[in-house]
Protein backbone atom coordinates (compact mmCIF):
# COMPACT_ATOMS: atom_id res chain seq x y z
CA UNK A 1 6.13 37.86 -22.07
CA UNK A 2 7.38 37.86 -25.63
CA UNK A 3 5.53 36.51 -28.66
CA UNK A 4 6.58 33.23 -30.30
CA UNK A 5 6.45 32.25 -33.98
CA UNK A 6 6.20 28.51 -34.74
CA UNK A 7 5.98 27.34 -38.35
CA UNK A 8 4.77 30.79 -39.38
CA UNK A 9 2.06 30.93 -36.71
CA UNK A 10 2.26 33.86 -34.29
CA UNK A 11 1.48 32.96 -30.68
CA UNK A 12 0.85 36.12 -28.63
CA UNK A 13 1.59 36.12 -24.92
CA UNK A 14 -1.68 35.98 -22.97
CA UNK A 15 -0.40 35.85 -19.38
CA UNK A 16 0.32 33.41 -16.59
CA UNK A 17 -2.32 31.48 -14.64
CA UNK A 18 -1.42 29.13 -11.77
CA UNK A 19 2.20 29.07 -12.94
CA UNK A 20 1.32 28.16 -16.54
CA UNK A 21 2.46 30.59 -19.27
CA UNK A 22 -0.04 30.91 -22.13
CA UNK A 23 0.43 32.13 -25.68
CA UNK A 24 -2.42 32.06 -28.21
CA UNK A 25 -2.99 32.21 -31.94
CA UNK A 26 -6.38 33.93 -32.17
CA UNK A 27 -6.60 34.28 -35.96
CA UNK A 28 -9.64 31.98 -36.11
CA UNK A 29 -11.73 34.75 -34.57
CA UNK A 30 -13.75 32.32 -32.46
CA UNK A 31 -12.64 30.96 -29.08
CA UNK A 32 -13.11 27.32 -30.12
CA UNK A 33 -10.56 27.93 -32.88
CA UNK A 34 -7.83 29.54 -30.77
CA UNK A 35 -4.57 27.56 -30.76
CA UNK A 36 -2.81 27.47 -27.38
CA UNK A 37 0.85 27.11 -26.48
CA UNK A 38 1.57 26.57 -22.78
CA UNK A 39 4.73 26.18 -20.72
CA UNK A 40 5.38 25.48 -17.05
CA UNK A 41 8.06 24.29 -14.64
CA UNK A 42 7.17 22.35 -11.49
CA UNK A 43 9.95 21.95 -8.92
CA UNK A 44 9.72 19.62 -5.92
CA UNK A 45 12.34 18.39 -3.45
CA UNK A 46 13.11 15.37 -5.63
CA UNK A 47 12.34 16.31 -9.22
CA UNK A 48 11.86 19.03 -11.79
CA UNK A 49 9.17 18.69 -14.45
CA UNK A 50 9.24 20.93 -17.54
CA UNK A 51 6.02 20.77 -19.55
CA UNK A 52 5.01 22.50 -22.77
CA UNK A 53 1.93 21.84 -24.89
CA UNK A 54 0.43 23.01 -28.15
CA UNK A 55 -3.28 22.54 -28.85
CA UNK A 56 -4.32 23.23 -32.42
CA UNK A 57 -8.00 23.01 -33.38
CA UNK A 58 -8.73 22.44 -37.07
CA UNK A 59 -11.84 24.32 -38.21
CA UNK A 60 -14.22 23.82 -41.12
CA UNK A 61 -13.34 26.55 -43.64
CA UNK A 62 -16.73 26.84 -45.39
CA UNK A 63 -20.24 25.52 -44.85
CA UNK A 64 -20.77 22.00 -46.15
CA UNK A 65 -23.26 19.16 -45.76
CA UNK A 66 -21.02 17.73 -43.02
CA UNK A 67 -20.19 20.82 -40.94
CA UNK A 68 -20.79 24.53 -40.69
CA UNK A 69 -18.05 27.09 -41.21
CA UNK A 70 -16.06 27.48 -37.97
CA UNK A 71 -16.97 24.06 -36.56
CA UNK A 72 -14.07 22.24 -34.92
CA UNK A 73 -13.35 19.18 -37.07
CA UNK A 74 -10.51 17.81 -34.94
CA UNK A 75 -7.81 18.95 -32.54
CA UNK A 76 -4.11 18.13 -32.79
CA UNK A 77 -1.79 18.13 -29.76
CA UNK A 78 1.93 18.31 -29.08
CA UNK A 79 3.10 17.55 -25.52
CA UNK A 80 6.73 17.94 -24.48
CA UNK A 81 7.55 16.67 -21.01
CA UNK A 82 11.11 16.78 -19.70
CA UNK A 83 11.87 15.41 -16.23
CA UNK A 84 15.02 15.86 -14.19
CA UNK A 85 16.18 14.71 -10.81
CA UNK A 86 16.31 17.70 -8.45
CA UNK A 87 20.11 17.35 -8.39
CA UNK A 88 20.44 17.77 -12.19
CA UNK A 89 23.02 20.39 -13.09
CA UNK A 90 22.91 23.13 -15.71
CA UNK A 91 25.14 20.88 -17.83
CA UNK A 92 22.63 18.02 -17.48
CA UNK A 93 19.77 20.29 -18.58
CA UNK A 94 21.72 21.71 -21.51
CA UNK A 95 22.64 18.19 -22.65
CA UNK A 96 19.00 17.06 -22.53
CA UNK A 97 17.92 20.21 -24.42
CA UNK A 98 20.51 19.50 -27.13
CA UNK A 99 19.36 15.88 -27.43
CA UNK A 100 15.71 16.96 -27.66
CA UNK A 101 16.54 19.51 -30.35
CA UNK A 102 18.57 16.99 -32.35
CA UNK A 103 15.87 14.32 -31.98
CA UNK A 104 13.05 16.60 -33.19
CA UNK A 105 15.21 17.70 -36.14
CA UNK A 106 16.16 14.13 -37.09
CA UNK A 107 14.75 12.33 -40.15
CA UNK A 108 13.62 9.52 -37.82
CA UNK A 109 11.42 11.87 -35.80
CA UNK A 110 10.08 13.42 -39.02
CA UNK A 111 9.08 9.96 -40.27
CA UNK A 112 7.55 9.12 -36.91
CA UNK A 113 5.27 12.18 -36.96
CA UNK A 114 4.64 12.74 -40.69
CA UNK A 115 4.46 9.11 -41.84
CA UNK A 116 3.56 7.42 -38.53
CA UNK A 117 6.61 5.22 -39.09
CA UNK A 118 8.86 4.62 -36.06
CA UNK A 119 11.03 2.11 -37.97
CA UNK A 120 13.19 4.37 -40.14
């Protein structure tokens, strides 16, 4: 399993458990601070579900009156779920991938995530 770099963060392949591929950024040095990237494909007789998630804990950098160094302050998540009918063709899947890529790279999606503004 190859490593993945996302926004300058290196996710190192950590194996497969119950059909779920796991990559981790372990730079935090403590388990609570590890960032996970997962990916899986579930195929049934009627549908195909492609799921990928990123979990990114945000840690306290230094001791303060509010939290100790290394405490998890919050956790951010990204979930990508793509569903296909079991009869979807390679062309169907490539078209959906292209649309997803274009959507995530669009200024509207950027405003949605960065500014919490779906109305651009």
